[in-house]
Amino acid sequence: CKGYLLAQLKLINPRIICTLGRHAYNTLFGVDERITRIRGVLTSYQGRRLLPTYHPSFLLRNQIRVKEAWEDMEKLKQLLRE
């Protein structure tokens, strides 16, 4: 589905992308990073801001990480206000 995703990004042209989970992030960047290492770290993808965070299913299995995901959503909210 990467081709479809890239076409959608080109069409929608979002200011900010929020990837949910390691697979989404790794697919875009062609890497194999652990989500616990990259979550919350603002980066850039094709000139757009990108904020990776946990996938909701990960949070169901790892509820101790919910606070971190909340912090990421607060950061995303702030970025959207800028």
PDB file of N, CA and C in Angstrom:
ATOM      1  N   CYS A   1       0.811  -1.203   0.000  1.00  0.00           N
ATOM      2  CA  CYS A   1       0.000   0.000   0.000  1.00  0.00           C
ATOM      3  C   CYS A   1       0.857   1.272   0.000  1.00  0.00           C
ATOM      4  N   LYS A   2       2.171   1.121  -0.029  1.00  0.00           N
ATOM      5  CA  LYS A   2       3.020   2.313   0.048  1.00  0.00           C
ATOM      6  C   LYS A   2       2.760   3.265  -1.116  1.00  0.00           C
ATOM      7  N   GLY A   3       2.576   2.726  -2.309  1.00  0.00           N
ATOM      8  CA  GLY A   3       2.306   3.575  -3.470  1.00  0.00           C
ATOM      9  C   GLY A   3       1.032   4.384  -3.294  1.00  0.00           C
ATOM     10  N   TYR A   4      -0.006   3.746  -2.776  1.00  0.00           N
ATOM     11  CA  TYR A   4      -1.266   4.433  -2.515  1.00  0.00           C
ATOM     12  C   TYR A   4      -1.065   5.524  -1.458  1.00  0.00           C
ATOM     13  N   LEU A   5      -0.323   5.199  -0.401  1.00  0.00           N
ATOM     14  CA  LEU A   5      -0.060   6.181   0.658  1.00  0.00           C
ATOM     15  C   LEU A   5       0.692   7.394   0.112  1.00  0.00           C
ATOM     16  N   LEU A   6       1.716   7.150  -0.687  1.00  0.00           N
ATOM     17  CA  LEU A   6       2.490   8.261  -1.253  1.00  0.00           C
ATOM     18  C   LEU A   6       1.635   9.126  -2.169  1.00  0.00           C
ATOM     19  N   ALA A   7       0.746   8.486  -2.930  1.00  0.00           N
ATOM     20  CA  ALA A   7      -0.165   9.251  -3.797  1.00  0.00           C
ATOM     21  C   ALA A   7      -1.109  10.104  -2.960  1.00  0.00           C
ATOM     22  N   GLN A   8      -1.596   9.567  -1.864  1.00  0.00           N
ATOM     23  CA  GLN A   8      -2.481  10.323  -0.977  1.00  0.00           C
ATOM     24  C   GLN A   8      -1.751  11.505  -0.344  1.00  0.00           C
ATOM     25  N   LEU A   9      -0.514  11.280   0.083  1.00  0.00           N
ATOM     26  CA  LEU A   9       0.265  12.378   0.665  1.00  0.00           C
ATOM     27  C   LEU A   9       0.471  13.499  -0.348  1.00  0.00           C
ATOM     28  N   LYS A  10       0.731  13.115  -1.594  1.00  0.00           N
ATOM     29  CA  LYS A  10       0.921  14.116  -2.642  1.00  0.00           C
ATOM     30  C   LYS A  10      -0.373  14.880  -2.896  1.00  0.00           C
ATOM     31  N   LEU A  11      -1.489  14.175  -2.914  1.00  0.00           N
ATOM     32  CA  LEU A  11      -2.786  14.785  -3.184  1.00  0.00           C
ATOM     33  C   LEU A  11      -3.246  15.684  -2.034  1.00  0.00           C
ATOM     34  N   ILE A  12      -3.139  15.188  -0.814  1.00  0.00           N
ATOM     35  CA  ILE A  12      -3.619  15.924   0.361  1.00  0.00           C
ATOM     36  C   ILE A  12      -2.638  17.019   0.769  1.00  0.00           C
ATOM     37  N   ASN A  13      -1.339  16.754   0.606  1.00  0.00           N
ATOM     38  CA  ASN A  13      -0.278  17.690   0.969  1.00  0.00           C
ATOM     39  C   ASN A  13      -0.404  18.178   2.418  1.00  0.00           C
ATOM     40  N   PRO A  14      -0.369  17.250   3.375  1.00  0.00           N
ATOM     41  CA  PRO A  14      -0.524  17.656   4.779  1.00  0.00           C
ATOM     42  C   PRO A  14       0.693  18.427   5.283  1.00  0.00           C
ATOM     43  N   ARG A  15       0.449  19.297   6.244  1.00  0.00           N
ATOM     44  CA  ARG A  15       1.558  20.010   6.877  1.00  0.00           C
ATOM     45  C   ARG A  15       2.314  19.091   7.820  1.00  0.00           C
ATOM     46  N   ILE A  16       1.570  18.192   8.464  1.00  0.00           N
ATOM     47  CA  ILE A  16       2.138  17.310   9.477  1.00  0.00           C
ATOM     48  C   ILE A  16       1.623  15.896   9.247  1.00  0.00           C
ATOM     49  N   ILE A  17       2.521  14.925   9.426  1.00  0.00           N
ATOM     50  CA  ILE A  17       2.163  13.514   9.347  1.00  0.00           C
ATOM     51  C   ILE A  17       2.412  12.911  10.720  1.00  0.00           C
ATOM     52  N   CYS A  18       1.468  12.128  11.205  1.00  0.00           N
ATOM     53  CA  CYS A  18       1.641  11.400  12.457  1.00  0.00           C
ATOM     54  C   CYS A  18       1.542   9.920  12.140  1.00  0.00           C
ATOM     55  N   THR A  19       2.667   9.223  12.198  1.00  0.00           N
ATOM     56  CA  THR A  19       2.647   7.786  11.939  1.00  0.00           C
ATOM     57  C   THR A  19       2.303   7.054  13.219  1.00  0.00           C
ATOM     58  N   LEU A  20       1.472   6.029  13.097  1.00  0.00           N
ATOM     59  CA  LEU A  20       1.050   5.232  14.237  1.00  0.00           C
ATOM     60  C   LEU A  20       1.732   3.873  14.166  1.00  0.00           C
ATOM     61  N   GLY A  21       2.746   3.697  14.976  1.00  0.00           N
ATOM     62  CA  GLY A  21       3.447   2.423  15.040  1.00  0.00           C
ATOM     63  C   GLY A  21       4.706   2.378  14.198  1.00  0.00           C
ATOM     64  N   ARG A  22       5.500   1.373  14.490  1.00  0.00           N
ATOM     65  CA  ARG A  22       6.802   1.239  13.824  1.00  0.00           C
ATOM     66  C   ARG A  22       6.673   0.903  12.354  1.00  0.00           C
ATOM     67  N   HIS A  23       5.667   0.117  11.979  1.00  0.00           N
ATOM     68  CA  HIS A  23       5.545  -0.289  10.577  1.00  0.00           C
ATOM     69  C   HIS A  23       5.274   0.902   9.666  1.00  0.00           C
ATOM     70  N   ALA A  24       4.435   1.809  10.098  1.00  0.00           N
ATOM     71  CA  ALA A  24       4.142   2.996   9.289  1.00  0.00           C
ATOM     72  C   ALA A  24       5.404   3.833   9.098  1.00  0.00           C
ATOM     73  N   TYR A  25       6.110   4.078  10.180  1.00  0.00           N
ATOM     74  CA  TYR A  25       7.343   4.863  10.130  1.00  0.00           C
ATOM     75  C   TYR A  25       8.391   4.152   9.268  1.00  0.00           C
ATOM     76  N   ASN A  26       8.616   2.879   9.542  1.00  0.00           N
ATOM     77  CA  ASN A  26       9.651   2.131   8.831  1.00  0.00           C
ATOM     78  C   ASN A  26       9.357   2.007   7.341  1.00  0.00           C
ATOM     79  N   THR A  27       8.094   1.904   6.975  1.00  0.00           N
ATOM     80  CA  THR A  27       7.727   1.822   5.563  1.00  0.00           C
ATOM     81  C   THR A  27       8.072   3.120   4.842  1.00  0.00           C
ATOM     82  N   LEU A  28       7.761   4.245   5.444  1.00  0.00           N
ATOM     83  CA  LEU A  28       8.065   5.524   4.808  1.00  0.00           C
ATOM     84  C   LEU A  28       9.567   5.745   4.648  1.00  0.00           C
ATOM     85  N   PHE A  29      10.329   5.393   5.672  1.00  0.00           N
ATOM     86  CA  PHE A  29      11.758   5.699   5.664  1.00  0.00           C
ATOM     87  C   PHE A  29      12.640   4.548   5.192  1.00  0.00           C
ATOM     88  N   GLY A  30      12.061   3.367   5.018  1.00  0.00           N
ATOM     89  CA  GLY A  30      12.855   2.227   4.558  1.00  0.00           C
ATOM     90  C   GLY A  30      13.898   1.796   5.572  1.00  0.00           C
ATOM     91  N   VAL A  31      13.539   1.872   6.847  1.00  0.00           N
ATOM     92  CA  VAL A  31      14.456   1.509   7.931  1.00  0.00           C
ATOM     93  C   VAL A  31      13.791   0.440   8.803  1.00  0.00           C
ATOM     94  N   ASP A  32      14.479   0.038   9.846  1.00  0.00           N
ATOM     95  CA  ASP A  32      13.914  -0.920  10.807  1.00  0.00           C
ATOM     96  C   ASP A  32      14.202  -0.413  12.212  1.00  0.00           C
ATOM     97  N   GLU A  33      13.459   0.627  12.607  1.00  0.00           N
ATOM     98  CA  GLU A  33      13.630   1.244  13.917  1.00  0.00           C
ATOM     99  C   GLU A  33      12.590   0.716  14.891  1.00  0.00           C
ATOM    100  N   ARG A  34      12.930   0.704  16.149  1.00  0.00           N
ATOM    101  CA  ARG A  34      11.976   0.337  17.189  1.00  0.00           C
ATOM    102  C   ARG A  34      11.155   1.568  17.559  1.00  0.00           C
ATOM    103  N   ILE A  35       9.859   1.383  17.742  1.00  0.00           N
ATOM    104  CA  ILE A  35       8.983   2.517  18.036  1.00  0.00           C
ATOM    105  C   ILE A  35       9.351   3.169  19.366  1.00  0.00           C
ATOM    106  N   THR A  36       9.823   2.386  20.313  1.00  0.00           N
ATOM    107  CA  THR A  36      10.194   2.963  21.608  1.00  0.00           C
ATOM    108  C   THR A  36      11.399   3.895  21.479  1.00  0.00           C
ATOM    109  N   ARG A  37      12.138   3.775  20.419  1.00  0.00           N
ATOM    110  CA  ARG A  37      13.306   4.624  20.171  1.00  0.00           C
ATOM    111  C   ARG A  37      12.946   5.905  19.414  1.00  0.00           C
ATOM    112  N   ILE A  38      11.963   5.824  18.535  1.00  0.00           N
ATOM    113  CA  ILE A  38      11.665   6.954  17.644  1.00  0.00           C
ATOM    114  C   ILE A  38      10.427   7.750  18.027  1.00  0.00           C
ATOM    115  N   ARG A  39       9.562   7.196  18.883  1.00  0.00           N
ATOM    116  CA  ARG A  39       8.303   7.873  19.183  1.00  0.00           C
ATOM    117  C   ARG A  39       8.561   9.237  19.829  1.00  0.00           C
ATOM    118  N   GLY A  40       7.772  10.187  19.396  1.00  0.00           N
ATOM    119  CA  GLY A  40       7.870  11.527  19.954  1.00  0.00           C
ATOM    120  C   GLY A  40       8.991  12.382  19.398  1.00  0.00           C
ATOM    121  N   VAL A  41       9.817  11.822  18.513  1.00  0.00           N
ATOM    122  CA  VAL A  41      10.941  12.572  17.931  1.00  0.00           C
ATOM    123  C   VAL A  41      10.474  13.187  16.614  1.00  0.00           C
ATOM    124  N   LEU A  42      10.332  14.483  16.594  1.00  0.00           N
ATOM    125  CA  LEU A  42       9.889  15.191  15.401  1.00  0.00           C
ATOM    126  C   LEU A  42      10.974  15.108  14.336  1.00  0.00           C
ATOM    127  N   THR A  43      10.575  14.711  13.149  1.00  0.00           N
ATOM    128  CA  THR A  43      11.505  14.592  12.040  1.00  0.00           C
ATOM    129  C   THR A  43      10.831  15.156  10.795  1.00  0.00           C
ATOM    130  N   SER A  44      11.428  14.958   9.644  1.00  0.00           N
ATOM    131  CA  SER A  44      10.884  15.487   8.401  1.00  0.00           C
ATOM    132  C   SER A  44      10.778  14.362   7.376  1.00  0.00           C
ATOM    133  N   TYR A  45       9.712  14.396   6.600  1.00  0.00           N
ATOM    134  CA  TYR A  45       9.532  13.452   5.501  1.00  0.00           C
ATOM    135  C   TYR A  45       9.057  14.230   4.286  1.00  0.00           C
ATOM    136  N   GLN A  46       9.874  14.264   3.262  1.00  0.00           N
ATOM    137  CA  GLN A  46       9.571  14.989   2.024  1.00  0.00           C
ATOM    138  C   GLN A  46       9.112  16.419   2.297  1.00  0.00           C
ATOM    139  N   GLY A  47       9.810  17.089   3.191  1.00  0.00           N
ATOM    140  CA  GLY A  47       9.527  18.487   3.489  1.00  0.00           C
ATOM    141  C   GLY A  47       8.377  18.720   4.447  1.00  0.00           C
ATOM    142  N   ARG A  48       7.800  17.648   4.985  1.00  0.00           N
ATOM    143  CA  ARG A  48       6.703  17.779   5.938  1.00  0.00           C
ATOM    144  C   ARG A  48       7.171  17.328   7.305  1.00  0.00           C
ATOM    145  N   ARG A  49       6.635  17.941   8.339  1.00  0.00           N
ATOM    146  CA  ARG A  49       6.937  17.477   9.694  1.00  0.00           C
ATOM    147  C   ARG A  49       6.302  16.110   9.906  1.00  0.00           C
ATOM    148  N   LEU A  50       7.012  15.257  10.609  1.00  0.00           N
ATOM    149  CA  LEU A  50       6.503  13.918  10.888  1.00  0.00           C
ATOM    150  C   LEU A  50       6.750  13.590  12.350  1.00  0.00           C
ATOM    151  N   LEU A  51       5.691  13.152  13.005  1.00  0.00           N
ATOM    152  CA  LEU A  51       5.777  12.779  14.410  1.00  0.00           C
ATOM    153  C   LEU A  51       5.325  11.323  14.569  1.00  0.00           C
ATOM    154  N   PRO A  52       6.248  10.427  14.891  1.00  0.00           N
ATOM    155  CA  PRO A  52       5.851   9.035  15.118  1.00  0.00           C
ATOM    156  C   PRO A  52       5.375   8.814  16.554  1.00  0.00           C
ATOM    157  N   THR A  53       4.381   7.967  16.694  1.00  0.00           N
ATOM    158  CA  THR A  53       3.908   7.592  18.020  1.00  0.00           C
ATOM    159  C   THR A  53       3.456   6.137  17.983  1.00  0.00           C
ATOM    160  N   TYR A  54       2.987   5.661  19.104  1.00  0.00           N
ATOM    161  CA  TYR A  54       2.585   4.269  19.232  1.00  0.00           C
ATOM    162  C   TYR A  54       1.296   3.971  18.466  1.00  0.00           C
ATOM    163  N   HIS A  55       1.186   2.754  17.990  1.00  0.00           N
ATOM    164  CA  HIS A  55      -0.046   2.271  17.380  1.00  0.00           C
ATOM    165  C   HIS A  55      -1.038   1.960  18.506  1.00  0.00           C
ATOM    166  N   PRO A  56      -2.322   2.230  18.292  1.00  0.00           N
ATOM    167  CA  PRO A  56      -3.304   1.954  19.346  1.00  0.00           C
ATOM    168  C   PRO A  56      -3.277   0.518  19.875  1.00  0.00           C
ATOM    169  N   SER A  57      -3.031  -0.461  19.015  1.00  0.00           N
ATOM    170  CA  SER A  57      -2.996  -1.849  19.497  1.00  0.00           C
ATOM    171  C   SER A  57      -1.805  -2.090  20.421  1.00  0.00           C
ATOM    172  N   PHE A  58      -0.707  -1.396  20.178  1.00  0.00           N
ATOM    173  CA  PHE A  58       0.451  -1.477  21.070  1.00  0.00           C
ATOM    174  C   PHE A  58       0.077  -0.945  22.448  1.00  0.00           C
ATOM    175  N   LEU A  59      -0.684   0.136  22.465  1.00  0.00           N
ATOM    176  CA  LEU A  59      -1.082   0.742  23.738  1.00  0.00           C
ATOM    177  C   LEU A  59      -2.031  -0.161  24.517  1.00  0.00           C
ATOM    178  N   LEU A  60      -2.842  -0.933  23.822  1.00  0.00           N
ATOM    179  CA  LEU A  60      -3.727  -1.877  24.518  1.00  0.00           C
ATOM    180  C   LEU A  60      -2.919  -2.954  25.244  1.00  0.00           C
ATOM    181  N   ARG A  61      -1.796  -3.343  24.657  1.00  0.00           N
ATOM    182  CA  ARG A  61      -0.954  -4.376  25.257  1.00  0.00           C
ATOM    183  C   ARG A  61       0.075  -3.811  26.231  1.00  0.00           C
ATOM    184  N   ASN A  62       0.346  -2.520  26.133  1.00  0.00           N
ATOM    185  CA  ASN A  62       1.389  -1.873  26.939  1.00  0.00           C
ATOM    186  C   ASN A  62       0.837  -0.585  27.535  1.00  0.00           C
ATOM    187  N   GLN A  63      -0.085  -0.718  28.452  1.00  0.00           N
ATOM    188  CA  GLN A  63      -0.783   0.462  28.974  1.00  0.00           C
ATOM    189  C   GLN A  63       0.131   1.417  29.725  1.00  0.00           C
ATOM    190  N   ILE A  64       1.282   0.951  30.120  1.00  0.00           N
ATOM    191  CA  ILE A  64       2.238   1.834  30.799  1.00  0.00           C
ATOM    192  C   ILE A  64       2.732   2.930  29.842  1.00  0.00           C
ATOM    193  N   ARG A  65       2.579   2.720  28.540  1.00  0.00           N
ATOM    194  CA  ARG A  65       3.045   3.687  27.526  1.00  0.00           C
ATOM    195  C   ARG A  65       1.985   4.721  27.138  1.00  0.00           C
ATOM    196  N   VAL A  66       0.790   4.623  27.689  1.00  0.00           N
ATOM    197  CA  VAL A  66      -0.297   5.542  27.323  1.00  0.00           C
ATOM    198  C   VAL A  66       0.077   6.989  27.628  1.00  0.00           C
ATOM    199  N   LYS A  67       0.749   7.221  28.739  1.00  0.00           N
ATOM    200  CA  LYS A  67       1.152   8.592  29.089  1.00  0.00           C
ATOM    201  C   LYS A  67       2.062   9.183  28.013  1.00  0.00           C
ATOM    202  N   GLU A  68       2.968   8.383  27.491  1.00  0.00           N
ATOM    203  CA  GLU A  68       3.862   8.862  26.433  1.00  0.00           C
ATOM    204  C   GLU A  68       3.070   9.197  25.167  1.00  0.00           C
ATOM    205  N   ALA A  69       2.111   8.352  24.817  1.00  0.00           N
ATOM    206  CA  ALA A  69       1.280   8.610  23.638  1.00  0.00           C
ATOM    207  C   ALA A  69       0.476   9.900  23.839  1.00  0.00           C
ATOM    208  N   TRP A  70      -0.003  10.109  25.054  1.00  0.00           N
ATOM    209  CA  TRP A  70      -0.730  11.347  25.364  1.00  0.00           C
ATOM    210  C   TRP A  70       0.180  12.563  25.152  1.00  0.00           C
ATOM    211  N   GLU A  71       1.412  12.463  25.604  1.00  0.00           N
ATOM    212  CA  GLU A  71       2.381  13.546  25.405  1.00  0.00           C
ATOM    213  C   GLU A  71       2.593  13.805  23.914  1.00  0.00           C
ATOM    214  N   ASP A  72       2.661  12.739  23.125  1.00  0.00           N
ATOM    215  CA  ASP A  72       2.819  12.897  21.677  1.00  0.00           C
ATOM    216  C   ASP A  72       1.624  13.615  21.072  1.00  0.00           C
ATOM    217  N   MET A  73       0.426  13.284  21.529  1.00  0.00           N
ATOM    218  CA  MET A  73      -0.780  13.943  21.014  1.00  0.00           C
ATOM    219  C   MET A  73      -0.809  15.422  21.406  1.00  0.00           C
ATOM    220  N   GLU A  74      -0.323  15.726  22.599  1.00  0.00           N
ATOM    221  CA  GLU A  74      -0.222  17.134  23.009  1.00  0.00           C
ATOM    222  C   GLU A  74       0.780  17.880  22.120  1.00  0.00           C
ATOM    223  N   LYS A  75       1.886  17.226  21.818  1.00  0.00           N
ATOM    224  CA  LYS A  75       2.887  17.828  20.921  1.00  0.00           C
ATOM    225  C   LYS A  75       2.283  18.041  19.535  1.00  0.00           C
ATOM    226  N   LEU A  76       1.545  17.064  19.048  1.00  0.00           N
ATOM    227  CA  LEU A  76       0.900  17.175  17.745  1.00  0.00           C
ATOM    228  C   LEU A  76      -0.104  18.333  17.732  1.00  0.00           C
ATOM    229  N   LYS A  77      -0.868  18.452  18.799  1.00  0.00           N
ATOM    230  CA  LYS A  77      -1.833  19.551  18.912  1.00  0.00           C
ATOM    231  C   LYS A  77      -1.118  20.902  18.845  1.00  0.00           C
ATOM    232  N   GLN A  78       0.000  21.010  19.538  1.00  0.00           N
ATOM    233  CA  GLN A  78       0.776  22.250  19.507  1.00  0.00           C
ATOM    234  C   GLN A  78       1.315  22.543  18.109  1.00  0.00           C
ATOM    235  N   LEU A  79       1.796  21.522  17.428  1.00  0.00           N
ATOM    236  CA  LEU A  79       2.301  21.700  16.057  1.00  0.00           C
ATOM    237  C   LEU A  79       1.199  22.165  15.126  1.00  0.00           C
ATOM    238  N   LEU A  80       0.008  21.652  15.310  1.00  0.00           N
ATOM    239  CA  LEU A  80      -1.111  22.044  14.458  1.00  0.00           C
ATOM    240  C   LEU A  80      -1.523  23.495  14.690  1.00  0.00           C
ATOM    241  N   ARG A  81      -1.271  24.005  15.885  1.00  0.00           N
ATOM    242  CA  ARG A  81      -1.594  25.413  16.197  1.00  0.00           C
ATOM    243  C   ARG A  81      -0.595  26.378  15.577  1.00  0.00           C
ATOM    244  N   GLU A  82       0.600  25.914  15.300  1.00  0.00           N
ATOM    245  CA  GLU A  82       1.655  26.809  14.753  1.00  0.00           C
ATOM    246  C   GLU A  82       1.346  27.221  13.336  1.00  0.00           C
TER     247      GLU A  82
END
